Structure formats: C-alpha cells, structure tokens
Amino acid sequence: MASDFGSTQISGAHIEAVDVEHKAELKELITSTGTHSAARSVDDSYSFTVKGKGTTTITAGSYGSGQPSGVSGKIIITNVTATQTNEDWEGFSYTGVGYTHAT
C-alpha cells in the first residue's frame, strides 16, 4: 500500500504544514417588511500560514509569492519567523493574506 506524506498545497521539499482560511463578509438586503430580499458576499480574502524546515527566501512585506495553491488575488506576506534549536533542524513559518479582488 502506497503512502503519501507531506503538504501538496505549496512547493518545497521541507514544508510541514499549510493552513488556509477563506473569509467573506455577508451583506444582506432586507425589505421594508423585514424579510430577506437578497444577499451577497463582499471583501472576501484568504489568510494562510506555512511552516517548514530549513530556510526560506520569503520576506515580510513581500508581494505576490509564497502562497499555497488555491489562494488568489494580491498576496502580501505579513510575518516571517525563523527558529533554531540544538535539538532540531532550522525551521521557519510565515503568514500572509490574499485579497481576492485587489489588483
């Protein structure tokens, strides 16, 4: 039986975890009698976190790179963390936001 381990949402040999959240604000139109008329989502965006081992070339404040697959729009990396201990490999994590409708 074949096994497949690792994250496939982002390229890189040492990616351990990828978390993606897609958020949207719901706007609802109510009639004068208080009943539902229409609804739509606005201001949708993705937030994501990538964790791995080794070093990364991603820098905080960078635009347009490092996002997991499926995350679209204007990508902004908001935080990059590097870790180093005596008991494990060097590690990194970074978080970012993808604004779907931004240009």
Protein backbone atom coordinates (compact mmCIF):
# COMPACT_ATOMS: atom_id res chain seq x y z
CA MET A 1 0.00 0.00 0.00
CA ALA A 2 1.48 3.32 -1.09
CA SER A 3 1.64 6.21 1.35
CA ASP A 4 1.87 9.90 0.52
CA PHE A 5 3.06 12.24 3.24
CA GLY A 6 3.62 15.97 3.14
CA SER A 7 1.75 19.03 2.07
CA THR A 8 0.90 19.34 -1.61
CA GLN A 9 -0.52 22.88 -1.40
CA ILE A 10 2.83 24.61 -1.81
CA SER A 11 6.08 23.61 -3.46
CA GLY A 12 9.11 22.96 -1.31
CA ALA A 13 10.82 19.83 -0.06
CA HIS A 14 10.56 20.65 3.64
CA ILE A 15 7.04 22.04 4.10
CA GLU A 16 5.43 20.54 7.21
CA ALA A 17 2.05 22.29 7.44
CA VAL A 18 -0.13 24.65 5.45
CA ASP A 19 -3.26 26.27 6.89
CA VAL A 20 -5.62 28.27 4.67
CA GLU A 21 -8.75 30.16 5.69
CA HIS A 22 -11.12 31.79 3.21
CA LYS A 23 -13.24 34.56 4.75
CA ALA A 24 -16.00 36.74 3.37
CA GLU A 25 -18.36 39.32 4.79
CA LEU A 26 -22.03 38.74 4.09
CA LYS A 27 -24.24 41.69 3.18
CA GLU A 28 -27.98 41.12 3.35
CA LEU A 29 -30.72 43.29 1.89
CA ILE A 30 -33.89 43.40 4.00
CA THR A 31 -37.24 44.58 2.64
CA SER A 32 -39.37 47.24 4.34
CA THR A 33 -41.43 44.42 5.92
CA GLY A 34 -38.33 42.88 7.49
CA THR A 35 -37.99 39.86 5.20
CA HIS A 36 -34.94 38.70 3.29
CA SER A 37 -34.62 40.16 -0.21
CA ALA A 38 -31.07 39.36 -1.37
CA ALA A 39 -27.58 38.57 -0.07
CA ARG A 40 -24.05 38.61 -1.39
CA SER A 41 -20.55 38.14 -0.07
CA VAL A 42 -18.10 41.03 -0.20
CA ASP A 43 -14.50 41.64 0.83
CA ASP A 44 -13.50 38.01 0.62
CA SER A 45 -9.88 37.19 1.40
CA TYR A 46 -7.60 34.30 2.23
CA SER A 47 -5.29 34.09 5.21
CA PHE A 48 -2.62 31.40 5.31
CA THR A 49 0.26 30.04 7.36
CA VAL A 50 3.11 27.91 6.04
CA LYS A 51 5.51 26.01 8.35
CA GLY A 52 8.60 24.08 7.34
CA LYS A 53 12.20 23.10 7.99
CA GLY A 54 15.29 24.68 6.51
CA THR A 55 15.49 28.27 5.39
CA THR A 56 13.09 30.30 3.30
CA THR A 57 13.57 33.10 0.81
CA ILE A 58 10.19 34.63 1.70
CA THR A 59 10.44 38.01 3.44
CA ALA A 60 7.88 40.00 5.41
CA GLY A 61 6.27 42.71 3.34
CA SER A 62 6.86 40.90 0.06
CA TYR A 63 4.14 40.76 -2.55
CA GLY A 64 2.96 38.05 -4.90
CA SER A 65 4.85 34.91 -3.84
CA GLY A 66 4.76 32.13 -1.28
CA GLN A 67 1.03 31.48 -1.33
CA PRO A 68 -0.44 27.97 -1.21
CA SER A 69 -2.33 26.65 -4.22
CA GLY A 70 -5.89 27.93 -4.43
CA VAL A 71 -5.05 31.28 -2.80
CA SER A 72 -5.56 34.05 -5.33
CA GLY A 73 -5.50 37.81 -5.63
CA LYS A 74 -2.99 40.31 -4.26
CA ILE A 75 -0.68 38.34 -1.94
CA ILE A 76 1.04 40.10 0.97
CA ILE A 77 3.35 38.27 3.40
CA THR A 78 2.67 39.76 6.83
CA ASN A 79 5.01 37.83 9.15
CA VAL A 80 8.11 35.61 8.80
CA THR A 81 9.64 33.70 11.71
CA ALA A 82 12.90 31.72 11.75
CA THR A 83 13.60 29.20 14.53
CA GLN A 84 16.76 27.40 15.54
CA THR A 85 17.31 24.92 18.37
CA ASN A 86 20.03 22.45 19.37
CA GLU A 87 17.63 19.50 19.07
CA ASP A 88 16.07 20.05 15.64
CA TRP A 89 16.64 21.43 12.15
CA GLU A 90 16.33 25.12 11.43
CA GLY A 91 12.70 26.00 10.88
CA PHE A 92 10.55 28.77 9.53
CA SER A 93 6.97 29.88 9.35
CA TYR A 94 5.27 32.70 7.54
CA THR A 95 1.79 34.09 7.33
CA GLY A 96 0.14 36.08 4.62
CA VAL A 97 -3.08 37.38 3.17
CA GLY A 98 -4.53 37.09 -0.32
CA TYR A 99 -7.03 39.78 -1.25
CA THR A 100 -9.10 38.12 -3.95
CA HIS A 101 -10.37 41.21 -5.77
CA ALA A 102 -7.36 43.50 -5.29
CA THR A 103 -5.09 44.41 -8.20
